[in-house]
Amino acid sequence: MMGQKSGGMSPEAAEELATSALAYLAQNPEDLGRFLSLAGIGPSEIRSAAEEPGFLAGVLEFYMQHEHLLLAFTETQGIRPTMIAAAHLKLSGGTDYFATP
Protein backbone atom coordinates (compact mmCIF):
# COMPACT_ATOMS: atom_id res chain seq x y z
CA MET A 1 0.00 0.00 0.00
CA MET A 2 1.37 3.40 -0.90
CA GLY A 3 2.25 5.48 2.12
CA GLN A 4 2.85 2.44 4.30
CA LYS A 5 5.63 2.71 6.85
CA SER A 6 8.68 0.59 6.16
CA GLY A 7 7.99 -2.87 7.48
CA GLY A 8 11.24 -4.55 6.50
CA MET A 9 13.18 -3.52 9.60
CA SER A 10 12.03 -3.26 13.17
CA PRO A 11 12.57 0.00 15.06
CA GLU A 12 14.83 -1.90 17.45
CA ALA A 13 17.00 -3.24 14.63
CA ALA A 14 17.20 0.23 13.08
CA GLU A 15 18.24 1.73 16.41
CA GLU A 16 20.84 -1.00 16.95
CA LEU A 17 22.33 -0.39 13.51
CA ALA A 18 22.40 3.38 14.08
CA THR A 19 24.05 2.89 17.48
CA SER A 20 26.71 0.71 15.85
CA ALA A 21 27.19 3.39 13.21
CA LEU A 22 27.66 6.01 15.94
CA ALA A 23 30.23 3.79 17.70
CA TYR A 24 32.08 3.32 14.41
CA LEU A 25 31.99 7.05 13.79
CA ALA A 26 33.50 7.65 17.23
CA GLN A 27 36.55 5.62 16.14
CA ASN A 28 37.22 8.01 13.25
CA PRO A 29 38.17 11.41 14.74
CA GLU A 30 38.11 13.34 11.45
CA ASP A 31 34.65 12.12 10.46
CA LEU A 32 33.38 12.43 14.03
CA GLY A 33 34.56 16.04 14.14
CA ARG A 34 32.76 16.81 10.89
CA PHE A 35 29.57 15.14 12.17
CA LEU A 36 29.66 16.97 15.51
CA SER A 37 30.20 20.27 13.72
CA LEU A 38 27.17 19.66 11.52
CA ALA A 39 25.10 18.48 14.49
CA GLY A 40 26.12 21.53 16.50
CA ILE A 41 27.21 19.55 19.55
CA GLY A 42 30.46 18.80 21.34
CA PRO A 43 31.97 15.41 22.14
CA SER A 44 30.73 15.54 25.72
CA GLU A 45 27.13 15.86 24.51
CA ILE A 46 27.00 12.73 22.33
CA ARG A 47 25.47 10.44 24.95
CA SER A 48 22.64 12.80 25.84
CA ALA A 49 22.06 13.72 22.19
CA ALA A 50 21.78 10.04 21.27
CA GLU A 51 18.68 9.85 23.47
CA GLU A 52 16.95 12.64 21.53
CA PRO A 53 14.44 11.70 18.84
CA GLY A 54 15.97 11.98 15.42
CA PHE A 55 19.61 11.98 16.48
CA LEU A 56 20.28 8.41 15.39
CA ALA A 57 18.47 9.09 12.12
CA GLY A 58 20.84 12.03 11.71
CA VAL A 59 23.82 9.74 12.22
CA LEU A 60 22.60 7.51 9.40
CA GLU A 61 21.88 10.51 7.19
CA PHE A 62 25.49 11.60 7.72
CA TYR A 63 26.64 8.18 6.51
CA MET A 64 24.44 8.42 3.44
CA GLN A 65 26.06 11.75 2.57
CA HIS A 66 29.62 10.40 2.93
CA GLU A 67 30.08 7.40 0.68
CA HIS A 68 33.57 6.51 1.88
CA LEU A 69 32.30 6.26 5.44
CA LEU A 70 29.16 4.39 4.41
CA LEU A 71 31.09 1.78 2.47
CA ALA A 72 33.75 1.32 5.15
CA PHE A 73 31.14 0.87 7.88
CA THR A 74 28.91 -1.50 5.94
CA GLU A 75 31.92 -3.60 4.96
CA THR A 76 32.96 -4.00 8.59
CA GLN A 77 29.39 -4.94 9.52
CA GLY A 78 28.93 -7.33 6.61
CA ILE A 79 25.73 -5.60 5.47
CA ARG A 80 24.52 -3.95 2.29
CA PRO A 81 24.70 -0.14 2.17
CA THR A 82 20.95 -0.10 1.50
CA MET A 83 20.43 -1.29 5.08
CA ILE A 84 21.55 2.15 6.24
CA ALA A 85 18.83 3.75 4.13
CA ALA A 86 16.25 1.28 5.47
CA ALA A 87 17.24 2.01 9.06
CA HIS A 88 17.18 5.75 8.38
CA LEU A 89 13.71 5.44 6.91
CA LYS A 90 12.48 3.57 9.98
CA LEU A 91 14.07 5.98 12.50
CA SER A 92 13.01 9.14 10.70
CA GLY A 93 9.41 8.01 10.38
CA GLY A 94 9.66 8.28 6.61
CA THR A 95 7.23 6.76 4.22
CA ASP A 96 8.21 3.72 2.23
CA TYR A 97 6.63 4.34 -1.16
CA PHE A 98 8.01 1.08 -2.48
CA ALA A 99 6.39 -1.19 0.09
CA THR A 100 4.20 -3.88 -1.35
CA PRO A 101 0.52 -4.08 -0.40
C-alpha atoms as a PDB file:
ATOM      1  CA  MET A   1       0.000   0.000   0.000  1.00  0.00           C
ATOM      2  CA  MET A   2       1.374   3.398  -0.904  1.00  0.00           C
ATOM      3  CA  GLY A   3       2.250   5.485   2.117  1.00  0.00           C
ATOM      4  CA  GLN A   4       2.853   2.442   4.304  1.00  0.00           C
ATOM      5  CA  LYS A   5       5.631   2.709   6.846  1.00  0.00           C
ATOM      6  CA  SER A   6       8.684   0.589   6.160  1.00  0.00           C
ATOM      7  CA  GLY A   7       7.989  -2.868   7.484  1.00  0.00           C
ATOM      8  CA  GLY A   8      11.241  -4.554   6.505  1.00  0.00           C
ATOM      9  CA  MET A   9      13.177  -3.517   9.597  1.00  0.00           C
ATOM     10  CA  SER A  10      12.027  -3.257  13.171  1.00  0.00           C
ATOM     11  CA  PRO A  11      12.568  -0.003  15.058  1.00  0.00           C
ATOM     12  CA  GLU A  12      14.830  -1.900  17.452  1.00  0.00           C
ATOM     13  CA  ALA A  13      16.999  -3.241  14.626  1.00  0.00           C
ATOM     14  CA  ALA A  14      17.205   0.227  13.078  1.00  0.00           C
ATOM     15  CA  GLU A  15      18.240   1.729  16.413  1.00  0.00           C
ATOM     16  CA  GLU A  16      20.837  -0.995  16.953  1.00  0.00           C
ATOM     17  CA  LEU A  17      22.326  -0.386  13.508  1.00  0.00           C
ATOM     18  CA  ALA A  18      22.402   3.383  14.084  1.00  0.00           C
ATOM     19  CA  THR A  19      24.046   2.892  17.478  1.00  0.00           C
ATOM     20  CA  SER A  20      26.708   0.709  15.850  1.00  0.00           C
ATOM     21  CA  ALA A  21      27.187   3.394  13.212  1.00  0.00           C
ATOM     22  CA  LEU A  22      27.662   6.006  15.940  1.00  0.00           C
ATOM     23  CA  ALA A  23      30.229   3.792  17.700  1.00  0.00           C
ATOM     24  CA  TYR A  24      32.083   3.316  14.409  1.00  0.00           C
ATOM     25  CA  LEU A  25      31.993   7.048  13.787  1.00  0.00           C
ATOM     26  CA  ALA A  26      33.503   7.652  17.231  1.00  0.00           C
ATOM     27  CA  GLN A  27      36.548   5.624  16.142  1.00  0.00           C
ATOM     28  CA  ASN A  28      37.219   8.012  13.249  1.00  0.00           C
ATOM     29  CA  PRO A  29      38.170  11.406  14.737  1.00  0.00           C
ATOM     30  CA  GLU A  30      38.109  13.339  11.455  1.00  0.00           C
ATOM     31  CA  ASP A  31      34.651  12.115  10.460  1.00  0.00           C
ATOM     32  CA  LEU A  32      33.377  12.431  14.032  1.00  0.00           C
ATOM     33  CA  GLY A  33      34.556  16.044  14.142  1.00  0.00           C
ATOM     34  CA  ARG A  34      32.758  16.805  10.894  1.00  0.00           C
ATOM     35  CA  PHE A  35      29.571  15.142  12.171  1.00  0.00           C
ATOM     36  CA  LEU A  36      29.663  16.972  15.508  1.00  0.00           C
ATOM     37  CA  SER A  37      30.197  20.269  13.725  1.00  0.00           C
ATOM     38  CA  LEU A  38      27.170  19.664  11.517  1.00  0.00           C
ATOM     39  CA  ALA A  39      25.098  18.479  14.488  1.00  0.00           C
ATOM     40  CA  GLY A  40      26.122  21.527  16.499  1.00  0.00           C
ATOM     41  CA  ILE A  41      27.212  19.553  19.552  1.00  0.00           C
ATOM     42  CA  GLY A  42      30.458  18.802  21.340  1.00  0.00           C
ATOM     43  CA  PRO A  43      31.973  15.406  22.137  1.00  0.00           C
ATOM     44  CA  SER A  44      30.734  15.543  25.720  1.00  0.00           C
ATOM     45  CA  GLU A  45      27.135  15.862  24.511  1.00  0.00           C
ATOM     46  CA  ILE A  46      27.003  12.733  22.335  1.00  0.00           C
ATOM     47  CA  ARG A  47      25.467  10.437  24.951  1.00  0.00           C
ATOM     48  CA  SER A  48      22.643  12.797  25.837  1.00  0.00           C
ATOM     49  CA  ALA A  49      22.064  13.724  22.187  1.00  0.00           C
ATOM     50  CA  ALA A  50      21.777  10.038  21.267  1.00  0.00           C
ATOM     51  CA  GLU A  51      18.677   9.855  23.472  1.00  0.00           C
ATOM     52  CA  GLU A  52      16.947  12.641  21.529  1.00  0.00           C
ATOM     53  CA  PRO A  53      14.444  11.699  18.842  1.00  0.00           C
ATOM     54  CA  GLY A  54      15.966  11.980  15.423  1.00  0.00           C
ATOM     55  CA  PHE A  55      19.613  11.984  16.484  1.00  0.00           C
ATOM     56  CA  LEU A  56      20.283   8.412  15.388  1.00  0.00           C
ATOM     57  CA  ALA A  57      18.465   9.094  12.115  1.00  0.00           C
ATOM     58  CA  GLY A  58      20.842  12.033  11.706  1.00  0.00           C
ATOM     59  CA  VAL A  59      23.818   9.737  12.218  1.00  0.00           C
ATOM     60  CA  LEU A  60      22.599   7.510   9.404  1.00  0.00           C
ATOM     61  CA  GLU A  61      21.883  10.505   7.193  1.00  0.00           C
ATOM     62  CA  PHE A  62      25.490  11.603   7.717  1.00  0.00           C
ATOM     63  CA  TYR A  63      26.645   8.182   6.514  1.00  0.00           C
ATOM     64  CA  MET A  64      24.442   8.423   3.436  1.00  0.00           C
ATOM     65  CA  GLN A  65      26.057  11.746   2.570  1.00  0.00           C
ATOM     66  CA  HIS A  66      29.617  10.395   2.932  1.00  0.00           C
ATOM     67  CA  GLU A  67      30.077   7.397   0.678  1.00  0.00           C
ATOM     68  CA  HIS A  68      33.574   6.515   1.884  1.00  0.00           C
ATOM     69  CA  LEU A  69      32.305   6.257   5.445  1.00  0.00           C
ATOM     70  CA  LEU A  70      29.156   4.386   4.412  1.00  0.00           C
ATOM     71  CA  LEU A  71      31.094   1.775   2.468  1.00  0.00           C
ATOM     72  CA  ALA A  72      33.753   1.323   5.152  1.00  0.00           C
ATOM     73  CA  PHE A  73      31.140   0.865   7.883  1.00  0.00           C
ATOM     74  CA  THR A  74      28.906  -1.503   5.937  1.00  0.00           C
ATOM     75  CA  GLU A  75      31.915  -3.597   4.956  1.00  0.00           C
ATOM     76  CA  THR A  76      32.965  -4.002   8.593  1.00  0.00           C
ATOM     77  CA  GLN A  77      29.388  -4.939   9.516  1.00  0.00           C
ATOM     78  CA  GLY A  78      28.926  -7.334   6.606  1.00  0.00           C
ATOM     79  CA  ILE A  79      25.729  -5.595   5.475  1.00  0.00           C
ATOM     80  CA  ARG A  80      24.520  -3.948   2.288  1.00  0.00           C
ATOM     81  CA  PRO A  81      24.699  -0.135   2.168  1.00  0.00           C
ATOM     82  CA  THR A  82      20.951  -0.105   1.501  1.00  0.00           C
ATOM     83  CA  MET A  83      20.427  -1.288   5.083  1.00  0.00           C
ATOM     84  CA  ILE A  84      21.552   2.153   6.242  1.00  0.00           C
ATOM     85  CA  ALA A  85      18.829   3.753   4.134  1.00  0.00           C
ATOM     86  CA  ALA A  86      16.253   1.282   5.466  1.00  0.00           C
ATOM     87  CA  ALA A  87      17.240   2.008   9.062  1.00  0.00           C
ATOM     88  CA  HIS A  88      17.183   5.750   8.379  1.00  0.00           C
ATOM     89  CA  LEU A  89      13.710   5.441   6.915  1.00  0.00           C
ATOM     90  CA  LYS A  90      12.484   3.574   9.985  1.00  0.00           C
ATOM     91  CA  LEU A  91      14.068   5.976  12.498  1.00  0.00           C
ATOM     92  CA  SER A  92      13.013   9.137  10.698  1.00  0.00           C
ATOM     93  CA  GLY A  93       9.411   8.011  10.378  1.00  0.00           C
ATOM     94  CA  GLY A  94       9.663   8.283   6.613  1.00  0.00           C
ATOM     95  CA  THR A  95       7.228   6.760   4.219  1.00  0.00           C
ATOM     96  CA  ASP A  96       8.208   3.717   2.228  1.00  0.00           C
ATOM     97  CA  TYR A  97       6.627   4.341  -1.165  1.00  0.00           C
ATOM     98  CA  PHE A  98       8.006   1.082  -2.483  1.00  0.00           C
ATOM     99  CA  ALA A  99       6.390  -1.186   0.087  1.00  0.00           C
ATOM    100  CA  THR A 100       4.198  -3.878  -1.346  1.00  0.00           C
ATOM    101  CA  PRO A 101       0.522  -4.085  -0.401  1.00  0.00           C
END
